N, C-alpha and C. Protein backbone atom coordinates (compact mmCIF):
# COMPACT_ATOMS: atom_id res chain seq x y z
N UNK A 1 174.48 109.78 100.07
CA UNK A 1 175.17 108.81 100.46
C UNK A 1 176.13 109.62 100.61
N UNK A 2 177.45 109.57 102.32
CA UNK A 2 178.26 110.77 101.84
C UNK A 2 179.44 110.58 101.78
N UNK A 3 180.06 111.07 100.67
CA UNK A 3 181.42 110.36 100.39
C UNK A 3 182.74 111.13 101.31
N UNK A 4 183.60 110.36 101.15
CA UNK A 4 184.95 109.85 101.87
C UNK A 4 185.92 110.42 101.69
N UNK A 5 186.94 111.31 102.10
CA UNK A 5 187.62 111.56 101.11
C UNK A 5 189.42 110.48 101.87
N UNK A 6 190.32 109.86 101.10
CA UNK A 6 191.91 109.73 101.94
C UNK A 6 192.46 110.93 102.30
N UNK A 7 193.11 111.47 103.52
CA UNK A 7 193.60 112.83 104.01
C UNK A 7 195.12 111.78 103.46
N UNK A 8 195.71 110.85 103.16
CA UNK A 8 197.21 110.99 101.96
C UNK A 8 197.29 111.09 100.63
N UNK A 9 196.36 110.63 99.81
CA UNK A 9 196.36 110.65 98.57
C UNK A 9 195.63 111.94 97.68
N UNK A 10 194.21 112.07 98.92
CA UNK A 10 193.24 112.86 97.75
C UNK A 10 191.79 112.09 97.44
N UNK A 11 192.83 110.09 97.02
CA UNK A 11 190.46 109.80 96.30
C UNK A 11 189.71 110.12 97.31
N UNK A 12 188.98 110.41 96.70
CA UNK A 12 187.37 109.56 97.42
C UNK A 12 186.61 108.92 96.96
N UNK A 13 185.86 108.23 98.54
CA UNK A 13 185.46 106.94 97.43
C UNK A 13 183.88 107.57 97.92
N UNK A 14 183.49 107.50 96.25
CA UNK A 14 182.23 108.02 96.90
C UNK A 14 180.68 106.26 96.28
N UNK A 15 180.00 105.80 97.07
CA UNK A 15 179.12 104.63 97.50
C UNK A 15 178.41 105.47 96.15
N UNK A 16 178.48 105.85 95.39
CA UNK A 16 177.46 105.75 94.43
C UNK A 16 177.87 105.21 93.10
N UNK A 17 179.74 104.97 93.49
CA UNK A 17 180.14 103.89 92.77
C UNK A 17 181.22 103.07 93.03
N UNK A 18 181.11 102.89 94.26
CA UNK A 18 181.56 101.91 94.27
C UNK A 18 182.96 101.94 94.54
N UNK A 19 183.45 100.51 94.61
CA UNK A 19 185.26 100.59 93.94
C UNK A 19 185.68 99.21 93.56
N UNK A 20 185.64 99.30 92.33
CA UNK A 20 185.38 98.26 91.32
C UNK A 20 187.48 97.44 91.93
N UNK A 21 187.59 98.00 91.79
CA UNK A 21 189.02 97.37 92.08
C UNK A 21 189.45 96.92 93.24
N UNK A 22 188.49 97.17 94.68
CA UNK A 22 188.20 96.44 95.60
C UNK A 22 186.69 95.93 95.37
N UNK A 23 185.97 95.33 94.72
CA UNK A 23 185.01 94.38 94.44
C UNK A 23 184.79 94.84 95.06
N UNK A 24 184.03 96.41 95.23
CA UNK A 24 182.82 96.85 96.47
C UNK A 24 181.65 97.48 95.59
N UNK A 25 180.41 97.01 95.48
CA UNK A 25 179.90 97.44 94.60
C UNK A 25 178.77 98.22 94.33
N UNK A 26 177.93 99.30 93.74
CA UNK A 26 177.73 101.04 93.65
C UNK A 26 176.71 100.78 95.36
N UNK A 27 176.25 101.50 95.91
CA UNK A 27 175.33 101.63 96.69
C UNK A 27 175.84 100.86 97.91
N UNK A 28 177.57 100.62 98.33
CA UNK A 28 177.22 100.59 99.44
C UNK A 28 178.22 101.76 100.44
N UNK A 29 177.57 102.03 101.70
CA UNK A 29 177.97 103.19 102.80
C UNK A 29 179.44 102.73 103.12
N UNK A 30 180.28 104.00 103.27
CA UNK A 30 181.50 104.11 103.75
C UNK A 30 181.79 102.80 104.87
N UNK A 31 180.67 103.50 105.24
CA UNK A 31 180.99 102.87 107.21
C UNK A 31 180.24 101.15 106.57
N UNK A 32 180.09 100.81 106.12
CA UNK A 32 179.77 99.76 105.80
C UNK A 32 181.65 98.91 104.82
N UNK A 33 181.64 99.17 104.64
CA UNK A 33 183.39 98.96 103.59
C UNK A 33 184.02 97.77 105.16
N UNK A 34 184.05 96.65 104.22
CA UNK A 34 185.06 95.57 105.15
C UNK A 34 186.49 96.90 105.67
N UNK A 35 186.77 96.02 107.15
CA UNK A 35 187.06 97.07 107.68
C UNK A 35 188.82 96.27 106.98
N UNK A 36 189.50 95.58 106.46
CA UNK A 36 190.20 95.48 105.48
C UNK A 36 190.76 95.95 104.15
N UNK A 37 189.35 97.18 104.03
CA UNK A 37 189.70 97.93 102.39
C UNK A 37 190.39 98.71 102.92
N UNK A 38 191.39 98.67 102.01
CA UNK A 38 192.44 99.81 101.35
C UNK A 38 191.69 100.86 100.26
N UNK A 39 192.61 102.34 100.39
CA UNK A 39 192.12 102.70 99.47
C UNK A 39 192.95 102.31 98.20
N UNK A 40 192.06 102.57 97.17
CA UNK A 40 192.75 101.49 95.69
C UNK A 40 193.87 102.15 95.32
N UNK A 41 194.71 103.71 95.41
CA UNK A 41 195.25 104.39 94.92
C UNK A 41 196.04 104.04 95.50
N UNK A 42 196.75 104.33 97.13
CA UNK A 42 197.20 104.39 98.13
C UNK A 42 197.86 103.69 99.06
N UNK A 43 196.64 103.03 98.90
CA UNK A 43 195.88 101.43 99.90
C UNK A 43 196.29 102.44 101.63
N UNK A 44 196.15 103.53 101.80
CA UNK A 44 195.73 103.32 103.25
C UNK A 44 194.38 103.41 103.96
N UNK A 45 194.62 102.92 104.54
CA UNK A 45 193.64 102.62 105.81
C UNK A 45 192.12 103.04 105.84
N UNK A 46 190.87 102.37 106.75
CA UNK A 46 189.63 103.48 106.06
C UNK A 46 190.27 104.22 107.90
N UNK A 47 190.93 103.82 108.38
CA UNK A 47 190.81 105.16 109.45
C UNK A 47 191.54 105.93 109.08
N UNK A 48 192.45 106.66 107.30
CA UNK A 48 192.91 108.04 107.17
C UNK A 48 191.75 108.39 106.34
N UNK A 49 190.37 107.86 106.18
CA UNK A 49 189.48 108.92 105.69
C UNK A 49 188.71 109.72 106.49
N UNK A 50 188.00 110.69 106.07
CA UNK A 50 187.22 111.39 106.81
C UNK A 50 186.31 111.99 105.60
N UNK A 51 185.58 112.38 106.33
CA UNK A 51 183.96 112.99 105.16
C UNK A 51 184.06 113.70 104.40
N UNK A 52 183.99 114.24 103.44
CA UNK A 52 184.17 114.96 102.36
C UNK A 52 182.94 116.37 102.59
């Protein structure tokens, strides 16, 4: 699964790890994240992310 990087702060969303702060379990691809999900570091929206 493809990793995505936040263009604001550089946080990398890794589907293999998920996002424990956002209650996203491991195995969830970026495109399947809820629309309201935001970067756990800086709060940027999904539209600020791009494939790594």
